N, C-alpha and C. Protein backbone atom coordinates (compact mmCIF):
# COMPACT_ATOMS: atom_id res chain seq x y z
N MET A 1 -8.86 16.68 -4.89
CA MET A 1 -9.11 15.49 -5.10
C MET A 1 -8.55 14.88 -3.79
N LYS A 2 -10.13 13.40 -3.39
CA LYS A 2 -9.84 12.93 -2.95
C LYS A 2 -9.42 11.53 -2.78
N ARG A 3 -8.27 11.02 -1.84
CA ARG A 3 -8.15 9.61 -2.67
C ARG A 3 -8.89 9.14 -2.65
N MET A 4 -8.51 7.30 -3.68
CA MET A 4 -10.17 6.73 -3.86
C MET A 4 -9.72 6.16 -2.06
N ASP A 5 -8.44 5.60 -1.03
CA ASP A 5 -8.24 4.93 0.06
C ASP A 5 -9.35 4.96 1.05
N GLU A 6 -9.23 6.46 0.63
CA GLU A 6 -10.36 7.29 2.01
C GLU A 6 -11.79 7.05 1.86
N ASP A 7 -12.39 6.42 1.12
CA ASP A 7 -13.93 6.31 0.84
C ASP A 7 -13.49 4.71 0.63
N PHE A 8 -12.95 4.09 0.24
CA PHE A 8 -13.52 2.54 0.01
C PHE A 8 -12.78 1.30 0.28
N ASP A 9 -12.75 0.56 0.57
CA ASP A 9 -11.46 -0.94 1.19
C ASP A 9 -11.47 -1.61 0.40
N LEU A 10 -10.20 -2.50 0.01
CA LEU A 10 -9.64 -2.94 -0.67
C LEU A 10 -10.36 -4.98 -0.40
N LEU A 11 -11.31 -5.43 -1.00
CA LEU A 11 -11.81 -6.88 -0.85
C LEU A 11 -11.08 -8.10 -1.44
N LEU A 12 -11.31 -7.95 -2.27
CA LEU A 12 -9.86 -8.94 -2.83
C LEU A 12 -9.60 -8.10 -3.66
N SER A 13 -8.21 -8.48 -3.96
CA SER A 13 -7.31 -8.04 -4.86
C SER A 13 -6.08 -9.30 -5.67
N GLY A 14 -6.51 -8.37 -6.84
CA GLY A 14 -6.56 -9.00 -8.16
C GLY A 14 -6.79 -10.38 -8.68
N VAL A 15 -8.28 -9.82 -8.72
CA VAL A 15 -9.50 -10.98 -8.66
C VAL A 15 -8.86 -11.75 -10.02
N ASP A 16 -10.28 -12.69 -11.34
CA ASP A 16 -10.31 -12.99 -11.92
C ASP A 16 -11.25 -11.88 -12.34
N PRO A 17 -10.98 -11.31 -13.51
CA PRO A 17 -12.87 -10.84 -14.08
C PRO A 17 -13.70 -11.53 -13.41
N LEU A 18 -13.82 -12.51 -13.88
CA LEU A 18 -15.42 -13.49 -14.52
C LEU A 18 -16.39 -13.21 -12.58
N GLU A 19 -14.11 -13.79 -12.05
CA GLU A 19 -15.23 -14.64 -10.36
C GLU A 19 -15.80 -12.74 -9.87
N GLY A 20 -14.72 -11.97 -10.20
CA GLY A 20 -14.95 -10.37 -9.51
C GLY A 20 -16.09 -10.29 -9.83
N GLU A 21 -17.15 -9.98 -10.65
CA GLU A 21 -18.12 -9.87 -11.50
C GLU A 21 -18.88 -10.25 -10.83
N MET A 22 -19.14 -11.58 -10.56
CA MET A 22 -19.94 -12.23 -9.39
C MET A 22 -20.07 -11.94 -8.52
N ALA A 23 -19.17 -11.14 -7.33
CA ALA A 23 -18.41 -10.65 -6.22
C ALA A 23 -19.36 -10.23 -6.41
N ARG A 24 -19.58 -9.30 -7.54
CA ARG A 24 -19.87 -7.75 -7.27
C ARG A 24 -21.57 -7.62 -7.39
N ASP A 25 -22.19 -9.19 -8.48
CA ASP A 25 -23.79 -9.61 -8.04
C ASP A 25 -23.98 -9.91 -6.81
N LEU A 26 -23.16 -10.45 -6.98
CA LEU A 26 -24.13 -10.93 -5.18
C LEU A 26 -23.50 -9.96 -3.97
N LEU A 27 -22.71 -8.92 -4.24
CA LEU A 27 -23.43 -7.83 -3.24
C LEU A 27 -24.11 -6.74 -3.03
N SER A 28 -24.39 -6.78 -4.64
CA SER A 28 -25.40 -5.97 -4.65
C SER A 28 -25.78 -6.09 -4.49
N ASP A 29 -26.79 -7.78 -4.90
CA ASP A 29 -27.85 -8.44 -4.53
C ASP A 29 -28.13 -8.09 -2.83
N LYS A 30 -27.11 -7.81 -1.99
CA LYS A 30 -27.29 -7.18 -0.88
C LYS A 30 -27.38 -6.11 0.07
N GLY A 31 -27.44 -5.16 -0.83
CA GLY A 31 -27.19 -3.96 -1.40
C GLY A 31 -26.09 -3.23 -0.97
N ILE A 32 -25.36 -4.10 -1.27
CA ILE A 32 -23.44 -3.60 -0.82
C ILE A 32 -23.08 -3.40 -2.52
N PRO A 33 -22.60 -2.11 -3.14
CA PRO A 33 -22.24 -1.63 -4.06
C PRO A 33 -20.76 -1.86 -3.48
N SER A 34 -19.89 -1.54 -4.62
CA SER A 34 -18.67 -2.28 -5.56
C SER A 34 -18.35 -1.54 -6.59
N MET A 35 -17.01 -2.44 -7.03
CA MET A 35 -16.17 -1.34 -7.75
C MET A 35 -15.12 -1.92 -8.13
N MET A 36 -14.77 -2.51 -9.51
CA MET A 36 -12.94 -3.03 -9.75
C MET A 36 -12.39 -2.71 -10.16
N SER A 37 -11.02 -2.42 -9.99
CA SER A 37 -9.93 -1.22 -10.43
C SER A 37 -8.97 -2.00 -10.94
N GLY A 38 -8.38 -1.50 -11.70
CA GLY A 38 -7.08 -2.83 -12.00
C GLY A 38 -6.71 -1.39 -13.37
N PRO A 39 -5.25 -2.39 -13.22
CA PRO A 39 -4.46 -1.79 -13.61
C PRO A 39 -5.02 -1.37 -15.49
N ASP A 40 -4.26 -0.07 -16.11
CA ASP A 40 -5.28 0.31 -17.25
C ASP A 40 -4.43 -0.71 -18.48
N PHE A 41 -5.92 -0.02 -19.88
CA PHE A 41 -4.46 -1.58 -20.25
C PHE A 41 -6.26 -1.33 -21.53
N ASP A 42 -5.57 -0.82 -22.26
CA ASP A 42 -6.52 -0.43 -23.73
C ASP A 42 -7.13 -1.21 -24.60
N VAL A 43 -8.22 -1.43 -24.56
CA VAL A 43 -9.02 -2.98 -24.41
C VAL A 43 -9.21 -3.35 -26.24
N ALA A 44 -8.97 -1.34 -26.59
CA ALA A 44 -9.22 -1.73 -28.34
C ALA A 44 -7.75 -2.41 -29.23
N GLU A 45 -6.81 -2.21 -28.17
CA GLU A 45 -5.42 -3.10 -29.01
C GLU A 45 -5.54 -4.52 -28.44
N LEU A 46 -5.70 -4.99 -27.45
CA LEU A 46 -5.87 -6.76 -27.89
C LEU A 46 -7.20 -7.30 -28.15
N GLY A 47 -8.24 -6.63 -27.54
CA GLY A 47 -9.59 -7.45 -27.43
C GLY A 47 -10.05 -7.23 -25.72
N ARG A 48 -11.51 -7.47 -25.82
CA ARG A 48 -12.30 -7.75 -24.40
C ARG A 48 -11.19 -9.32 -23.73
N ALA A 49 -11.51 -10.12 -24.80
CA ALA A 49 -11.20 -11.64 -23.70
C ALA A 49 -9.96 -11.90 -23.08
N ALA A 50 -8.69 -11.47 -24.16
CA ALA A 50 -7.21 -10.77 -24.01
C ALA A 50 -7.31 -10.21 -22.56
N HIS A 51 -7.94 -8.57 -22.84
CA HIS A 51 -7.63 -8.04 -20.96
C HIS A 51 -7.90 -8.91 -20.70
N ASN A 52 -9.34 -9.55 -20.24
CA ASN A 52 -9.79 -10.40 -18.88
C ASN A 52 -8.35 -11.35 -18.60
N VAL A 53 -8.15 -12.09 -19.65
CA VAL A 53 -7.38 -13.42 -18.92
C VAL A 53 -5.94 -11.84 -18.53
N SER A 54 -5.34 -10.92 -18.54
CA SER A 54 -3.73 -10.44 -18.77
C SER A 54 -4.34 -9.78 -17.71
N ARG A 55 -5.48 -8.31 -17.02
CA ARG A 55 -5.50 -7.60 -16.31
C ARG A 55 -6.33 -8.78 -15.14
N HIS A 56 -5.79 -8.99 -14.27
CA HIS A 56 -6.18 -8.88 -12.81
C HIS A 56 -7.11 -7.94 -12.47
N PRO A 57 -8.06 -7.29 -12.21
CA PRO A 57 -8.44 -6.04 -11.26
C PRO A 57 -8.91 -6.07 -9.12
N ASP A 58 -8.76 -5.18 -8.83
CA ASP A 58 -8.73 -5.41 -7.35
C ASP A 58 -10.59 -5.20 -6.92
N LEU A 59 -10.81 -6.18 -6.34
CA LEU A 59 -12.59 -5.37 -6.08
C LEU A 59 -12.76 -4.50 -4.90
N PHE A 60 -13.37 -3.11 -4.50
CA PHE A 60 -13.37 -2.33 -3.44
C PHE A 60 -15.01 -1.96 -3.67
N VAL A 61 -14.62 -2.44 -1.62
CA VAL A 61 -16.52 -2.00 -0.75
C VAL A 61 -15.66 -0.59 -0.66
N PRO A 62 -16.78 0.15 -0.73
CA PRO A 62 -17.69 1.48 0.87
C PRO A 62 -16.92 0.98 2.02
N LYS A 63 -15.89 2.53 2.66
CA LYS A 63 -15.36 2.21 3.90
C LYS A 63 -16.40 1.52 5.02
N GLY A 64 -16.75 0.61 6.08
CA GLY A 64 -17.38 0.23 7.02
C GLY A 64 -18.25 -1.13 6.15
N THR A 65 -17.74 -1.48 5.17
CA THR A 65 -18.95 -2.26 4.16
C THR A 65 -17.99 -3.94 4.39
N LYS A 66 -16.46 -3.72 4.25
CA LYS A 66 -16.00 -4.94 3.87
C LYS A 66 -16.26 -5.59 4.74
N VAL A 67 -16.05 -5.55 6.15
CA VAL A 67 -16.84 -7.22 6.75
C VAL A 67 -17.72 -7.69 6.30
N ALA A 68 -19.00 -7.29 6.11
CA ALA A 68 -20.23 -7.42 5.80
C ALA A 68 -20.01 -8.40 4.69
N ALA A 69 -19.66 -7.84 3.55
CA ALA A 69 -18.22 -8.03 2.51
C ALA A 69 -18.70 -9.16 2.22
N ARG A 70 -18.07 -8.92 3.12
CA ARG A 70 -16.36 -10.70 2.75
C ARG A 70 -17.84 -11.91 3.30
N ALA A 71 -18.64 -11.65 4.83
CA ALA A 71 -19.23 -12.55 4.72
C ALA A 71 -19.73 -13.43 4.33
N ILE A 72 -20.72 -12.17 2.96
CA ILE A 72 -21.59 -12.37 2.25
C ILE A 72 -20.77 -13.79 1.24
N LEU A 73 -19.54 -12.75 1.04
CA LEU A 73 -19.15 -13.97 -0.23
C LEU A 73 -18.40 -15.39 0.24
N ALA A 74 -17.96 -15.44 1.70
CA ALA A 74 -18.79 -16.49 2.44
C ALA A 74 -19.42 -17.54 2.41
N GLU A 75 -20.54 -16.90 3.25
CA GLU A 75 -21.77 -17.52 2.78
C GLU A 75 -22.11 -18.05 1.37
N ALA A 76 -21.84 -17.35 0.56
CA ALA A 76 -22.11 -17.61 -0.95
C ALA A 76 -21.18 -19.22 -1.14
N TRP A 77 -19.72 -19.19 -0.83
CA TRP A 77 -18.83 -19.80 -1.52
C TRP A 77 -17.60 -20.96 -0.81
N GLY A 78 -18.99 -20.00 0.67
CA GLY A 78 -16.91 -20.87 1.80
C GLY A 78 -15.86 -20.18 2.12
N GLU A 79 -15.33 -20.19 2.76
CA GLU A 79 -13.91 -19.67 3.53
C GLU A 79 -12.54 -20.02 2.53
N GLU A 80 -13.35 -21.68 2.45
CA GLU A 80 -12.47 -21.82 2.01
C GLU A 80 -11.89 -21.37 -0.11
N ARG A 81 -12.78 -20.91 -0.30
CA ARG A 81 -12.78 -20.06 -1.73
C ARG A 81 -12.22 -19.13 -1.90
N LEU A 82 -13.15 -18.44 -0.80
CA LEU A 82 -12.41 -16.98 -0.37
C LEU A 82 -10.97 -16.47 -0.04
N THR A 83 -10.92 -17.74 0.62
CA THR A 83 -9.37 -17.15 0.68
C THR A 83 -8.80 -17.64 0.13
N ARG A 84 -8.71 -18.69 -1.30
CA ARG A 84 -7.77 -19.21 -2.33
C ARG A 84 -8.48 -18.10 -3.32
N LEU A 85 -9.11 -17.37 -3.17
CA LEU A 85 -9.41 -15.80 -4.30
C LEU A 85 -7.61 -14.85 -3.42
N ASP A 86 -7.34 -15.23 -2.65
CA ASP A 86 -7.08 -13.94 -1.77
C ASP A 86 -6.80 -13.98 -0.83
N PRO A 87 -5.91 -14.91 -0.82
CA PRO A 87 -5.25 -15.05 0.59
C PRO A 87 -4.66 -14.16 1.63
N ALA A 88 -4.24 -13.08 1.32
CA ALA A 88 -3.83 -11.91 2.16
C ALA A 88 -5.26 -11.68 2.56
N ALA A 89 -6.38 -11.48 2.62
CA ALA A 89 -7.89 -11.11 3.17
C ALA A 89 -8.08 -12.25 4.77
N SER A 90 -7.15 -13.38 4.11
CA SER A 90 -7.95 -13.99 5.54
C SER A 90 -7.60 -14.13 6.89
C-alpha cells in the first residue's frame, strides 16, 4: 500500500474546516483537486458542529501542484491571510 506522502503534499496544516472547504472550492475551480484529512473522531458522538470545532484537518494537494495551489489561495485571500492560516507554509 502506498503512503499518502508519496502522492500528496501538505498545503495547509490544521486549517479551520470552513476555511479548508473554501480553499478546496477555490482550488477545484482552477482544476486542482484537494482533500482534507485529520484526526479521526466519531462525529456521531458529538455531532457535526462539535466535531468541526474540535478537529482541524490538514489540506492536501497532489504532488506537483502545491506551488500553483498556494498561488491561487494567495491571489484570492492575500499572502498575509494565507500566512496567518499556516505560518509554517510561508
